[in-house]
Amino acid sequence: MSKEEKGVFSGDAAKTAQELHKSEFGAHYLVVYPDLVTFREMYSHYVKAALKENEIVILLPFYETVNNVRQILSEDSACIDVRKYEKEQSLLIADSLKMYLGSQDGFMSFLKQTVEYAKKSGKAGVSVMGDMGAFFYSQNYRGNLLSYEMTLPSKFEGMKLKGFCLYHNWDFNRRLSKKETQRLLHHHGRTTYLISIPIGN
């Protein structure tokens, strides 16, 4: 693991998307975003770049609907042909609550299958952006969240997979204790703080 990989990066939506996209496969990063508007801009940039590089992208929103994400991705800034990529199985948009907490086999099992599918179909690899807000919906959210995160490796060794655990700033800094946030920060290969840039700057 490189020195900069273990560090902290802060940037606006475009720079953050670029920074995440240039990370190597195996990366498991934590991303804290300030608001949905900034978050949408970031994932639009990321998805567009990843699809262009022949990756499979899995996008798991929580604070907005799947159809809303489809609409955002198909609009001006990204202008992605969402239906085409979904049909090709290069883009999967699903509710994070169902994916993280509604699967009997577990999300990691699904990811491994997707990585294998990517390999067989000649794809460069898999990127997954999952909003961890789903865990805060559960009753024992602290236990469920920490338990899930700690089962994941700090790096996906030998896998053509980039995993980005996305936290709304409110969830991360207001609903978790300092000790819990420190544990999460330490467990991930790198931490990225997505910052909003005021209009007019």
N, C-alpha and C. Protein backbone atom coordinates (compact mmCIF):
# COMPACT_ATOMS: atom_id res chain seq x y z
N MET A 1 0.84 -1.19 0.00
CA MET A 1 0.00 0.00 0.00
C MET A 1 0.88 1.25 0.00
N SER A 2 0.63 2.16 -0.93
CA SER A 2 1.45 3.36 -1.02
C SER A 2 1.14 4.30 0.14
N LYS A 3 2.06 5.25 0.39
CA LYS A 3 1.87 6.21 1.47
C LYS A 3 0.63 7.06 1.24
N GLU A 4 0.43 7.52 -0.02
CA GLU A 4 -0.70 8.40 -0.28
C GLU A 4 -2.03 7.65 -0.21
N GLU A 5 -1.98 6.33 -0.42
CA GLU A 5 -3.20 5.54 -0.38
C GLU A 5 -3.82 5.52 1.01
N LYS A 6 -2.98 5.61 2.03
CA LYS A 6 -3.47 5.55 3.40
C LYS A 6 -3.88 6.94 3.89
N GLY A 7 -3.71 7.96 3.04
CA GLY A 7 -3.94 9.32 3.45
C GLY A 7 -5.38 9.79 3.33
N VAL A 8 -5.52 11.10 3.41
CA VAL A 8 -6.83 11.74 3.34
C VAL A 8 -6.82 12.70 2.16
N PHE A 9 -7.87 12.67 1.38
CA PHE A 9 -7.99 13.56 0.23
C PHE A 9 -9.28 14.36 0.37
N SER A 10 -9.20 15.66 0.07
CA SER A 10 -10.40 16.50 0.04
C SER A 10 -10.47 17.19 -1.30
N GLY A 11 -11.66 17.24 -1.89
CA GLY A 11 -11.79 17.91 -3.17
C GLY A 11 -13.24 18.11 -3.56
N ASP A 12 -13.44 18.90 -4.60
CA ASP A 12 -14.81 19.10 -5.09
C ASP A 12 -15.25 17.86 -5.86
N ALA A 13 -16.44 17.91 -6.41
CA ALA A 13 -17.03 16.73 -7.05
C ALA A 13 -16.19 16.17 -8.19
N ALA A 14 -15.76 17.05 -9.10
CA ALA A 14 -14.99 16.61 -10.26
C ALA A 14 -13.63 16.04 -9.86
N LYS A 15 -12.94 16.73 -8.95
CA LYS A 15 -11.61 16.26 -8.50
C LYS A 15 -11.72 14.96 -7.72
N THR A 16 -12.75 14.86 -6.90
CA THR A 16 -12.95 13.64 -6.12
C THR A 16 -13.21 12.45 -7.03
N ALA A 17 -14.08 12.64 -8.02
CA ALA A 17 -14.37 11.56 -8.97
C ALA A 17 -13.11 11.12 -9.70
N GLN A 18 -12.31 12.09 -10.09
CA GLN A 18 -11.05 11.79 -10.79
C GLN A 18 -10.09 11.03 -9.88
N GLU A 19 -9.99 11.47 -8.65
CA GLU A 19 -9.09 10.84 -7.67
C GLU A 19 -9.52 9.39 -7.39
N LEU A 20 -10.81 9.19 -7.23
CA LEU A 20 -11.32 7.84 -6.97
C LEU A 20 -11.11 6.94 -8.18
N HIS A 21 -11.34 7.50 -9.36
CA HIS A 21 -11.24 6.68 -10.57
C HIS A 21 -9.81 6.24 -10.86
N LYS A 22 -8.85 7.08 -10.50
CA LYS A 22 -7.46 6.69 -10.78
C LYS A 22 -6.89 5.73 -9.73
N SER A 23 -7.67 5.42 -8.70
CA SER A 23 -7.23 4.44 -7.70
C SER A 23 -7.12 3.07 -8.35
N GLU A 24 -6.24 2.26 -7.82
CA GLU A 24 -6.01 0.92 -8.39
C GLU A 24 -7.11 -0.05 -7.95
N PHE A 25 -7.29 -1.09 -8.74
CA PHE A 25 -8.22 -2.14 -8.33
C PHE A 25 -7.70 -2.77 -7.04
N GLY A 26 -8.62 -3.09 -6.17
CA GLY A 26 -8.28 -3.56 -4.83
C GLY A 26 -8.57 -2.50 -3.79
N ALA A 27 -8.76 -1.25 -4.24
CA ALA A 27 -9.00 -0.13 -3.33
C ALA A 27 -10.31 -0.31 -2.56
N HIS A 28 -10.27 0.02 -1.28
CA HIS A 28 -11.47 0.04 -0.43
C HIS A 28 -11.40 1.35 0.36
N TYR A 29 -12.12 2.35 -0.13
CA TYR A 29 -12.04 3.70 0.42
C TYR A 29 -13.33 4.11 1.11
N LEU A 30 -13.20 5.05 2.01
CA LEU A 30 -14.34 5.67 2.69
C LEU A 30 -14.50 7.09 2.14
N VAL A 31 -15.71 7.43 1.73
CA VAL A 31 -15.98 8.75 1.17
C VAL A 31 -17.09 9.41 1.98
N VAL A 32 -16.83 10.63 2.48
CA VAL A 32 -17.83 11.40 3.22
C VAL A 32 -18.30 12.54 2.32
N TYR A 33 -19.61 12.61 2.08
CA TYR A 33 -20.13 13.67 1.20
C TYR A 33 -21.04 14.62 1.99
N PRO A 34 -21.06 15.92 1.62
CA PRO A 34 -21.78 16.92 2.41
C PRO A 34 -23.27 17.04 2.13
N ASP A 35 -23.66 16.77 0.89
CA ASP A 35 -25.06 16.95 0.50
C ASP A 35 -25.32 16.19 -0.81
N LEU A 36 -26.59 15.99 -1.12
CA LEU A 36 -26.96 15.21 -2.29
C LEU A 36 -26.55 15.86 -3.60
N VAL A 37 -26.64 17.17 -3.67
CA VAL A 37 -26.29 17.87 -4.91
C VAL A 37 -24.83 17.60 -5.29
N THR A 38 -23.93 17.77 -4.33
CA THR A 38 -22.50 17.52 -4.55
C THR A 38 -22.25 16.05 -4.85
N PHE A 39 -22.93 15.19 -4.11
CA PHE A 39 -22.80 13.74 -4.29
C PHE A 39 -23.21 13.33 -5.71
N ARG A 40 -24.33 13.87 -6.18
CA ARG A 40 -24.81 13.53 -7.53
C ARG A 40 -23.80 13.93 -8.61
N GLU A 41 -23.23 15.10 -8.43
CA GLU A 41 -22.24 15.57 -9.40
C GLU A 41 -21.03 14.64 -9.41
N MET A 42 -20.60 14.23 -8.21
CA MET A 42 -19.43 13.35 -8.12
C MET A 42 -19.70 11.99 -8.77
N TYR A 43 -20.83 11.35 -8.42
CA TYR A 43 -21.04 10.01 -8.98
C TYR A 43 -21.31 10.07 -10.48
N SER A 44 -21.86 11.18 -10.97
CA SER A 44 -22.07 11.33 -12.41
C SER A 44 -20.73 11.33 -13.15
N HIS A 45 -19.77 12.10 -12.62
CA HIS A 45 -18.42 12.13 -13.21
C HIS A 45 -17.78 10.75 -13.14
N TYR A 46 -17.92 10.10 -11.98
CA TYR A 46 -17.25 8.81 -11.79
C TYR A 46 -17.82 7.74 -12.73
N VAL A 47 -19.13 7.63 -12.75
CA VAL A 47 -19.78 6.60 -13.57
C VAL A 47 -19.42 6.77 -15.04
N LYS A 48 -19.45 8.00 -15.50
CA LYS A 48 -19.12 8.27 -16.91
C LYS A 48 -17.70 7.82 -17.23
N ALA A 49 -16.74 8.17 -16.36
CA ALA A 49 -15.34 7.80 -16.57
C ALA A 49 -15.13 6.29 -16.51
N ALA A 50 -15.78 5.64 -15.54
CA ALA A 50 -15.61 4.19 -15.36
C ALA A 50 -16.20 3.41 -16.54
N LEU A 51 -17.36 3.81 -17.01
CA LEU A 51 -17.98 3.13 -18.16
C LEU A 51 -17.13 3.29 -19.41
N LYS A 52 -16.54 4.46 -19.53
CA LYS A 52 -15.66 4.73 -20.68
C LYS A 52 -14.45 3.82 -20.67
N GLU A 53 -14.01 3.45 -19.46
CA GLU A 53 -12.85 2.56 -19.30
C GLU A 53 -13.25 1.08 -19.27
N ASN A 54 -14.48 0.81 -19.70
CA ASN A 54 -14.97 -0.58 -19.82
C ASN A 54 -15.10 -1.30 -18.48
N GLU A 55 -15.45 -0.56 -17.42
CA GLU A 55 -15.69 -1.16 -16.11
C GLU A 55 -17.19 -1.41 -15.92
N ILE A 56 -17.51 -2.33 -15.05
CA ILE A 56 -18.88 -2.50 -14.58
C ILE A 56 -19.03 -1.61 -13.36
N VAL A 57 -20.10 -0.83 -13.31
CA VAL A 57 -20.33 0.07 -12.17
C VAL A 57 -21.60 -0.33 -11.44
N ILE A 58 -21.47 -0.51 -10.13
CA ILE A 58 -22.62 -0.78 -9.26
C ILE A 58 -22.82 0.45 -8.38
N LEU A 59 -23.99 1.05 -8.49
CA LEU A 59 -24.28 2.27 -7.73
C LEU A 59 -25.48 1.99 -6.82
N LEU A 60 -25.25 2.16 -5.52
CA LEU A 60 -26.27 1.81 -4.53
C LEU A 60 -26.68 3.04 -3.71
N PRO A 61 -27.69 3.76 -4.16
CA PRO A 61 -28.15 4.94 -3.44
C PRO A 61 -29.03 4.58 -2.25
N PHE A 62 -29.13 5.52 -1.31
CA PHE A 62 -30.06 5.34 -0.21
C PHE A 62 -30.98 6.55 -0.05
N TYR A 63 -30.42 7.74 -0.13
CA TYR A 63 -31.21 8.95 0.11
C TYR A 63 -31.90 9.49 -1.15
N GLU A 64 -31.87 8.71 -2.21
CA GLU A 64 -32.65 9.02 -3.41
C GLU A 64 -33.03 7.71 -4.09
N THR A 65 -34.06 7.76 -4.90
CA THR A 65 -34.57 6.53 -5.52
C THR A 65 -33.69 6.10 -6.70
N VAL A 66 -33.84 4.85 -7.05
CA VAL A 66 -33.11 4.30 -8.20
C VAL A 66 -33.48 5.07 -9.47
N ASN A 67 -34.76 5.35 -9.65
CA ASN A 67 -35.20 6.08 -10.84
C ASN A 67 -34.65 7.50 -10.88
N ASN A 68 -34.51 8.10 -9.72
CA ASN A 68 -33.93 9.44 -9.65
C ASN A 68 -32.47 9.43 -10.08
N VAL A 69 -31.74 8.40 -9.66
CA VAL A 69 -30.33 8.26 -10.05
C VAL A 69 -30.23 8.06 -11.56
N ARG A 70 -31.12 7.24 -12.11
CA ARG A 70 -31.14 7.04 -13.57
C ARG A 70 -31.33 8.37 -14.30
N GLN A 71 -32.22 9.17 -13.78
CA GLN A 71 -32.50 10.48 -14.39
C GLN A 71 -31.29 11.41 -14.30
N ILE A 72 -30.66 11.44 -13.12
CA ILE A 72 -29.47 12.28 -12.93
C ILE A 72 -28.37 11.89 -13.92
N LEU A 73 -28.14 10.59 -14.07
CA LEU A 73 -27.07 10.10 -14.95
C LEU A 73 -27.35 10.37 -16.42
N SER A 74 -28.62 10.45 -16.78
CA SER A 74 -28.97 10.65 -18.18
C SER A 74 -29.05 12.12 -18.57
N GLU A 75 -28.93 13.01 -17.57
CA GLU A 75 -29.04 14.45 -17.84
C GLU A 75 -27.73 15.05 -18.35
N ASP A 76 -27.76 16.37 -18.55
CA ASP A 76 -26.71 17.10 -19.27
C ASP A 76 -25.27 16.81 -18.85
N SER A 77 -24.96 16.92 -17.54
CA SER A 77 -23.56 16.82 -17.13
C SER A 77 -22.94 15.46 -17.45
N ALA A 78 -23.70 14.38 -17.29
CA ALA A 78 -23.18 13.04 -17.58
C ALA A 78 -23.63 12.56 -18.95
N CYS A 79 -24.90 12.76 -19.26
CA CYS A 79 -25.48 12.37 -20.55
C CYS A 79 -25.18 10.91 -20.90
N ILE A 80 -25.44 10.02 -19.95
CA ILE A 80 -25.17 8.59 -20.12
C ILE A 80 -26.44 7.90 -20.62
N ASP A 81 -26.26 6.98 -21.56
CA ASP A 81 -27.38 6.18 -22.04
C ASP A 81 -27.60 5.05 -21.02
N VAL A 82 -28.33 5.38 -19.96
CA VAL A 82 -28.48 4.47 -18.82
C VAL A 82 -29.10 3.13 -19.23
N ARG A 83 -30.17 3.17 -19.99
CA ARG A 83 -30.84 1.93 -20.41
C ARG A 83 -29.91 1.00 -21.18
N LYS A 84 -29.12 1.59 -22.04
CA LYS A 84 -28.17 0.80 -22.84
C LYS A 84 -27.18 0.08 -21.95
N TYR A 85 -26.57 0.82 -21.01
CA TYR A 85 -25.56 0.20 -20.13
C TYR A 85 -26.18 -0.79 -19.15
N GLU A 86 -27.40 -0.53 -18.71
CA GLU A 86 -28.09 -1.50 -17.84
C GLU A 86 -28.38 -2.79 -18.61
N LYS A 87 -28.80 -2.63 -19.84
CA LYS A 87 -29.10 -3.80 -20.68
C LYS A 87 -27.84 -4.63 -20.92
N GLU A 88 -26.73 -3.96 -21.09
CA GLU A 88 -25.43 -4.64 -21.31
C GLU A 88 -24.86 -5.22 -20.01
N GLN A 89 -25.51 -4.91 -18.88
CA GLN A 89 -25.04 -5.32 -17.55
C GLN A 89 -23.70 -4.68 -17.18
N SER A 90 -23.49 -3.48 -17.72
CA SER A 90 -22.30 -2.70 -17.37
C SER A 90 -22.62 -1.72 -16.24
N LEU A 91 -23.90 -1.46 -16.03
CA LEU A 91 -24.34 -0.53 -15.00
C LEU A 91 -25.49 -1.14 -14.21
N LEU A 92 -25.31 -1.18 -12.89
CA LEU A 92 -26.37 -1.68 -12.02
C LEU A 92 -26.66 -0.61 -10.96
N ILE A 93 -27.91 -0.17 -10.93
CA ILE A 93 -28.34 0.79 -9.91
C ILE A 93 -29.39 0.10 -9.06
N ALA A 94 -29.14 0.00 -7.77
CA ALA A 94 -30.08 -0.71 -6.89
C ALA A 94 -30.12 -0.02 -5.53
N ASP A 95 -31.22 -0.20 -4.83
CA ASP A 95 -31.39 0.39 -3.50
C ASP A 95 -30.43 -0.27 -2.51
N SER A 96 -29.65 0.56 -1.82
CA SER A 96 -28.63 0.00 -0.93
C SER A 96 -29.23 -0.78 0.24
N LEU A 97 -30.43 -0.40 0.66
CA LEU A 97 -31.08 -1.11 1.76
C LEU A 97 -31.33 -2.57 1.38
N LYS A 98 -31.82 -2.78 0.16
CA LYS A 98 -32.08 -4.15 -0.32
C LYS A 98 -30.78 -4.92 -0.51
N MET A 99 -29.77 -4.25 -1.05
CA MET A 99 -28.52 -4.95 -1.36
C MET A 99 -27.72 -5.30 -0.10
N TYR A 100 -27.67 -4.38 0.85
CA TYR A 100 -26.87 -4.62 2.06
C TYR A 100 -27.61 -5.45 3.10
N LEU A 101 -28.89 -5.18 3.28
CA LEU A 101 -29.62 -5.81 4.38
C LEU A 101 -30.72 -6.77 3.95
N GLY A 102 -30.95 -6.88 2.65
CA GLY A 102 -32.05 -7.72 2.18
C GLY A 102 -31.62 -9.00 1.49
N SER A 103 -30.32 -9.27 1.47
CA SER A 103 -29.81 -10.45 0.77
C SER A 103 -29.38 -11.53 1.76
N GLN A 104 -29.89 -12.73 1.56
CA GLN A 104 -29.52 -13.84 2.46
C GLN A 104 -28.06 -14.26 2.26
N ASP A 105 -27.62 -14.28 1.02
CA ASP A 105 -26.26 -14.73 0.72
C ASP A 105 -25.22 -13.67 1.06
N GLY A 106 -25.66 -12.43 1.19
CA GLY A 106 -24.73 -11.35 1.52
C GLY A 106 -24.23 -10.61 0.29
N PHE A 107 -23.94 -9.35 0.48
CA PHE A 107 -23.54 -8.51 -0.63
C PHE A 107 -22.18 -8.89 -1.19
N MET A 108 -21.27 -9.33 -0.33
CA MET A 108 -19.93 -9.69 -0.79
C MET A 108 -19.97 -10.86 -1.75
N SER A 109 -20.88 -11.78 -1.52
CA SER A 109 -21.05 -12.93 -2.42
C SER A 109 -21.48 -12.45 -3.80
N PHE A 110 -22.41 -11.50 -3.82
CA PHE A 110 -22.87 -10.92 -5.09
C PHE A 110 -21.72 -10.21 -5.81
N LEU A 111 -20.90 -9.49 -5.03
CA LEU A 111 -19.77 -8.77 -5.63
C LEU A 111 -18.77 -9.73 -6.27
N LYS A 112 -18.48 -10.81 -5.59
CA LYS A 112 -17.53 -11.80 -6.12
C LYS A 112 -18.04 -12.39 -7.43
N GLN A 113 -19.34 -12.64 -7.50
CA GLN A 113 -19.95 -13.15 -8.73
C GLN A 113 -19.83 -12.12 -9.86
N THR A 114 -20.03 -10.84 -9.50
CA THR A 114 -19.95 -9.78 -10.51
C THR A 114 -18.52 -9.61 -11.02
N VAL A 115 -17.54 -9.70 -10.12
CA VAL A 115 -16.14 -9.62 -10.51
C VAL A 115 -15.79 -10.76 -11.46
N GLU A 116 -16.31 -11.94 -11.16
CA GLU A 116 -16.08 -13.12 -12.02
C GLU A 116 -16.73 -12.92 -13.39
N TYR A 117 -17.94 -12.37 -13.38
CA TYR A 117 -18.64 -12.09 -14.63
C TYR A 117 -17.86 -11.06 -15.46
N ALA A 118 -17.32 -10.04 -14.79
CA ALA A 118 -16.54 -9.01 -15.48
C ALA A 118 -15.32 -9.62 -16.17
N LYS A 119 -14.68 -10.53 -15.47
CA LYS A 119 -13.49 -11.21 -16.01
C LYS A 119 -13.85 -12.02 -17.25
N LYS A 120 -14.94 -12.77 -17.17
CA LYS A 120 -15.35 -13.63 -18.28
C LYS A 120 -15.84 -12.83 -19.49
N SER A 121 -16.40 -11.65 -19.24
CA SER A 121 -16.95 -10.85 -20.33
C SER A 121 -15.99 -9.79 -20.86
N GLY A 122 -14.74 -9.86 -20.41
CA GLY A 122 -13.71 -8.97 -20.94
C GLY A 122 -13.75 -7.55 -20.42
N LYS A 123 -14.38 -7.35 -19.27
CA LYS A 123 -14.45 -6.03 -18.66
C LYS A 123 -13.16 -5.76 -17.87
N ALA A 124 -12.87 -4.47 -17.68
CA ALA A 124 -11.65 -4.09 -16.97
C ALA A 124 -11.72 -4.44 -15.48
N GLY A 125 -12.92 -4.41 -14.93
CA GLY A 125 -13.11 -4.68 -13.50
C GLY A 125 -14.44 -4.12 -13.04
N VAL A 126 -14.60 -4.04 -11.73
CA VAL A 126 -15.87 -3.60 -11.14
C VAL A 126 -15.63 -2.47 -10.15
N SER A 127 -16.45 -1.43 -10.25
CA SER A 127 -16.46 -0.35 -9.25
C SER A 127 -17.80 -0.38 -8.54
N VAL A 128 -17.77 -0.32 -7.22
CA VAL A 128 -19.04 -0.26 -6.47
C VAL A 128 -19.03 0.95 -5.56
N MET A 129 -20.10 1.74 -5.68
CA MET A 129 -20.29 2.91 -4.82
C MET A 129 -21.55 2.67 -4.01
N GLY A 130 -21.39 2.39 -2.73
CA GLY A 130 -22.53 2.05 -1.89
C GLY A 130 -22.76 3.05 -0.78
N ASP A 131 -23.98 3.60 -0.72
CA ASP A 131 -24.32 4.54 0.35
C ASP A 131 -24.62 3.75 1.62
N MET A 132 -23.83 4.00 2.65
CA MET A 132 -23.97 3.25 3.89
C MET A 132 -25.13 3.75 4.75
N GLY A 133 -25.87 4.74 4.25
CA GLY A 133 -27.04 5.24 4.96
C GLY A 133 -28.05 4.15 5.26
N ALA A 134 -28.04 3.09 4.47
CA ALA A 134 -28.96 1.97 4.67
C ALA A 134 -28.82 1.39 6.08
N PHE A 135 -27.61 1.34 6.58
CA PHE A 135 -27.38 0.74 7.90
C PHE A 135 -27.98 1.57 9.02
N PHE A 136 -28.07 2.87 8.82
CA PHE A 136 -28.63 3.75 9.85
C PHE A 136 -30.15 3.62 9.94
N TYR A 137 -30.71 2.93 8.96
CA TYR A 137 -32.15 2.67 8.93
C TYR A 137 -32.52 1.52 9.86
N SER A 138 -31.55 0.65 10.14
CA SER A 138 -31.80 -0.52 10.98
C SER A 138 -31.78 -0.13 12.46
N GLN A 139 -32.41 -0.94 13.30
CA GLN A 139 -32.51 -0.63 14.73
C GLN A 139 -31.14 -0.59 15.39
N ASN A 140 -30.38 -1.65 15.22
CA ASN A 140 -29.04 -1.70 15.83
C ASN A 140 -28.02 -1.24 14.80
N TYR A 141 -28.16 0.02 14.35
CA TYR A 141 -27.34 0.46 13.22
C TYR A 141 -25.85 0.47 13.53
N ARG A 142 -25.49 0.82 14.76
CA ARG A 142 -24.06 0.84 15.09
C ARG A 142 -23.45 -0.56 14.98
N GLY A 143 -24.11 -1.52 15.62
CA GLY A 143 -23.61 -2.89 15.60
C GLY A 143 -23.60 -3.46 14.19
N ASN A 144 -24.67 -3.25 13.44
CA ASN A 144 -24.77 -3.79 12.07
C ASN A 144 -23.72 -3.18 11.15
N LEU A 145 -23.57 -1.87 11.25
CA LEU A 145 -22.63 -1.16 10.37
C LEU A 145 -21.19 -1.56 10.66
N LEU A 146 -20.80 -1.47 11.93
CA LEU A 146 -19.42 -1.81 12.29
C LEU A 146 -19.11 -3.27 11.99
N SER A 147 -20.08 -4.13 12.27
CA SER A 147 -19.90 -5.55 12.02
C SER A 147 -19.68 -5.81 10.54
N TYR A 148 -20.50 -5.17 9.69
CA TYR A 148 -20.36 -5.35 8.24
C TYR A 148 -19.03 -4.81 7.74
N GLU A 149 -18.71 -3.59 8.13
CA GLU A 149 -17.47 -2.96 7.64
C GLU A 149 -16.23 -3.77 8.05
N MET A 150 -16.25 -4.29 9.26
CA MET A 150 -15.08 -5.02 9.75
C MET A 150 -14.92 -6.40 9.10
N THR A 151 -15.99 -6.90 8.47
CA THR A 151 -15.85 -8.17 7.75
C THR A 151 -15.17 -7.97 6.39
N LEU A 152 -15.13 -6.71 5.94
CA LEU A 152 -14.49 -6.41 4.66
C LEU A 152 -13.00 -6.15 4.87
N PRO A 153 -12.18 -6.53 3.91
CA PRO A 153 -10.74 -6.26 4.05
C PRO A 153 -10.45 -4.77 3.81
N SER A 154 -9.32 -4.29 4.30
CA SER A 154 -8.91 -2.91 4.04
C SER A 154 -8.52 -2.73 2.57
N LYS A 155 -8.21 -3.84 1.94
CA LYS A 155 -7.90 -3.85 0.51
C LYS A 155 -8.39 -5.15 -0.08
N PHE A 156 -9.02 -5.08 -1.25
CA PHE A 156 -9.52 -6.28 -1.92
C PHE A 156 -8.39 -6.91 -2.72
N GLU A 157 -7.54 -7.63 -2.00
CA GLU A 157 -6.34 -8.23 -2.62
C GLU A 157 -6.72 -9.21 -3.73
N GLY A 158 -6.05 -9.06 -4.87
CA GLY A 158 -6.24 -10.00 -5.97
C GLY A 158 -7.58 -9.92 -6.66
N MET A 159 -8.35 -8.86 -6.40
CA MET A 159 -9.66 -8.72 -7.03
C MET A 159 -9.70 -7.46 -7.89
N LYS A 160 -10.29 -7.58 -9.07
CA LYS A 160 -10.48 -6.42 -9.94
C LYS A 160 -11.72 -5.67 -9.46
N LEU A 161 -11.59 -5.13 -8.26
CA LEU A 161 -12.71 -4.48 -7.60
C LEU A 161 -12.25 -3.21 -6.89
N LYS A 162 -13.02 -2.13 -7.08
CA LYS A 162 -12.83 -0.91 -6.30
C LYS A 162 -14.10 -0.71 -5.49
N GLY A 163 -13.95 -0.61 -4.17
CA GLY A 163 -15.11 -0.45 -3.30
C GLY A 163 -15.08 0.89 -2.58
N PHE A 164 -16.15 1.67 -2.74
CA PHE A 164 -16.24 2.98 -2.10
C PHE A 164 -17.45 3.01 -1.17
N CYS A 165 -17.18 3.10 0.13
CA CYS A 165 -18.24 3.17 1.13
C CYS A 165 -18.58 4.65 1.35
N LEU A 166 -19.79 5.03 1.01
CA LEU A 166 -20.19 6.43 0.99
C LEU A 166 -21.03 6.77 2.21
N TYR A 167 -20.62 7.84 2.90
CA TYR A 167 -21.33 8.27 4.11
C TYR A 167 -21.77 9.72 3.96
N HIS A 168 -23.06 9.97 4.22
CA HIS A 168 -23.50 11.36 4.33
C HIS A 168 -22.84 11.95 5.57
N ASN A 169 -22.39 13.18 5.46
CA ASN A 169 -21.69 13.84 6.56
C ASN A 169 -22.47 13.77 7.88
N TRP A 170 -23.81 13.94 7.81
CA TRP A 170 -24.64 13.89 9.01
C TRP A 170 -24.57 12.53 9.69
N ASP A 171 -24.68 11.47 8.90
CA ASP A 171 -24.60 10.12 9.44
C ASP A 171 -23.24 9.86 10.07
N PHE A 172 -22.20 10.25 9.35
CA PHE A 172 -20.84 9.92 9.79
C PHE A 172 -20.41 10.69 11.03
N ASN A 173 -20.70 11.99 11.05
CA ASN A 173 -20.20 12.83 12.14
C ASN A 173 -21.19 13.08 13.27
N ARG A 174 -22.46 12.81 13.05
CA ARG A 174 -23.47 13.08 14.09
C ARG A 174 -24.07 11.80 14.69
N ARG A 175 -24.09 10.74 13.93
CA ARG A 175 -24.76 9.53 14.40
C ARG A 175 -23.79 8.44 14.87
N LEU A 176 -22.51 8.68 14.67
CA LEU A 176 -21.49 7.75 15.15
C LEU A 176 -20.62 8.45 16.19
N SER A 177 -20.10 7.69 17.12
CA SER A 177 -19.21 8.28 18.12
C SER A 177 -17.84 8.52 17.50
N LYS A 178 -17.03 9.30 18.18
CA LYS A 178 -15.66 9.58 17.70
C LYS A 178 -14.87 8.29 17.57
N LYS A 179 -15.05 7.40 18.53
CA LYS A 179 -14.34 6.12 18.52
C LYS A 179 -14.75 5.29 17.31
N GLU A 180 -16.05 5.30 16.99
CA GLU A 180 -16.55 4.53 15.84
C GLU A 180 -16.04 5.10 14.52
N THR A 181 -16.05 6.43 14.40
CA THR A 181 -15.56 7.03 13.15
C THR A 181 -14.07 6.75 12.98
N GLN A 182 -13.32 6.81 14.07
CA GLN A 182 -11.88 6.53 14.00
C GLN A 182 -11.62 5.09 13.58
N ARG A 183 -12.45 4.20 14.08
CA ARG A 183 -12.29 2.79 13.72
C ARG A 183 -12.56 2.58 12.22
N LEU A 184 -13.58 3.25 11.71
CA LEU A 184 -13.90 3.16 10.29
C LEU A 184 -12.82 3.79 9.43
N LEU A 185 -12.34 4.95 9.84
CA LEU A 185 -11.28 5.63 9.09
C LEU A 185 -10.03 4.77 9.01
N HIS A 186 -9.69 4.15 10.13
CA HIS A 186 -8.49 3.32 10.18
C HIS A 186 -8.63 2.06 9.32
N HIS A 187 -9.85 1.55 9.22
CA HIS A 187 -10.07 0.28 8.53
C HIS A 187 -10.00 0.41 7.01
N HIS A 188 -10.30 1.58 6.50
CA HIS A 188 -10.30 1.77 5.05
C HIS A 188 -8.91 2.18 4.54
N GLY A 189 -8.66 1.83 3.29
CA GLY A 189 -7.36 2.14 2.70
C GLY A 189 -7.11 3.63 2.57
N ARG A 190 -8.17 4.39 2.38
CA ARG A 190 -8.02 5.83 2.23
C ARG A 190 -9.35 6.50 2.56
N THR A 191 -9.30 7.76 2.95
CA THR A 191 -10.50 8.52 3.25
C THR A 191 -10.58 9.74 2.35
N THR A 192 -11.75 9.98 1.79
CA THR A 192 -11.95 11.13 0.92
C THR A 192 -13.10 11.96 1.46
N TYR A 193 -12.86 13.25 1.61
CA TYR A 193 -13.91 14.18 2.01
C TYR A 193 -14.33 14.98 0.79
N LEU A 194 -15.55 14.74 0.37
CA LEU A 194 -16.09 15.46 -0.78
C LEU A 194 -16.62 16.80 -0.27
N ILE A 195 -16.14 17.88 -0.86
CA ILE A 195 -16.55 19.21 -0.39
C ILE A 195 -17.43 19.91 -1.44
N SER A 196 -18.36 20.70 -0.97
CA SER A 196 -19.22 21.45 -1.90
C SER A 196 -18.58 22.79 -2.18
N ILE A 197 -18.68 23.21 -3.42
CA ILE A 197 -18.15 24.51 -3.83
C ILE A 197 -19.32 25.45 -4.05
N PRO A 198 -19.42 26.56 -3.30
CA PRO A 198 -20.54 27.48 -3.47
C PRO A 198 -20.67 27.98 -4.91
N ILE A 199 -21.90 28.10 -5.39
CA ILE A 199 -22.15 28.59 -6.74
C ILE A 199 -21.60 30.01 -6.84
N GLY A 200 -20.90 30.25 -7.94
CA GLY A 200 -20.33 31.58 -8.15
C GLY A 200 -18.84 31.61 -7.89
N ASN A 201 -18.31 30.55 -7.22
CA ASN A 201 -16.87 30.49 -6.95
C ASN A 201 -16.14 29.86 -8.13
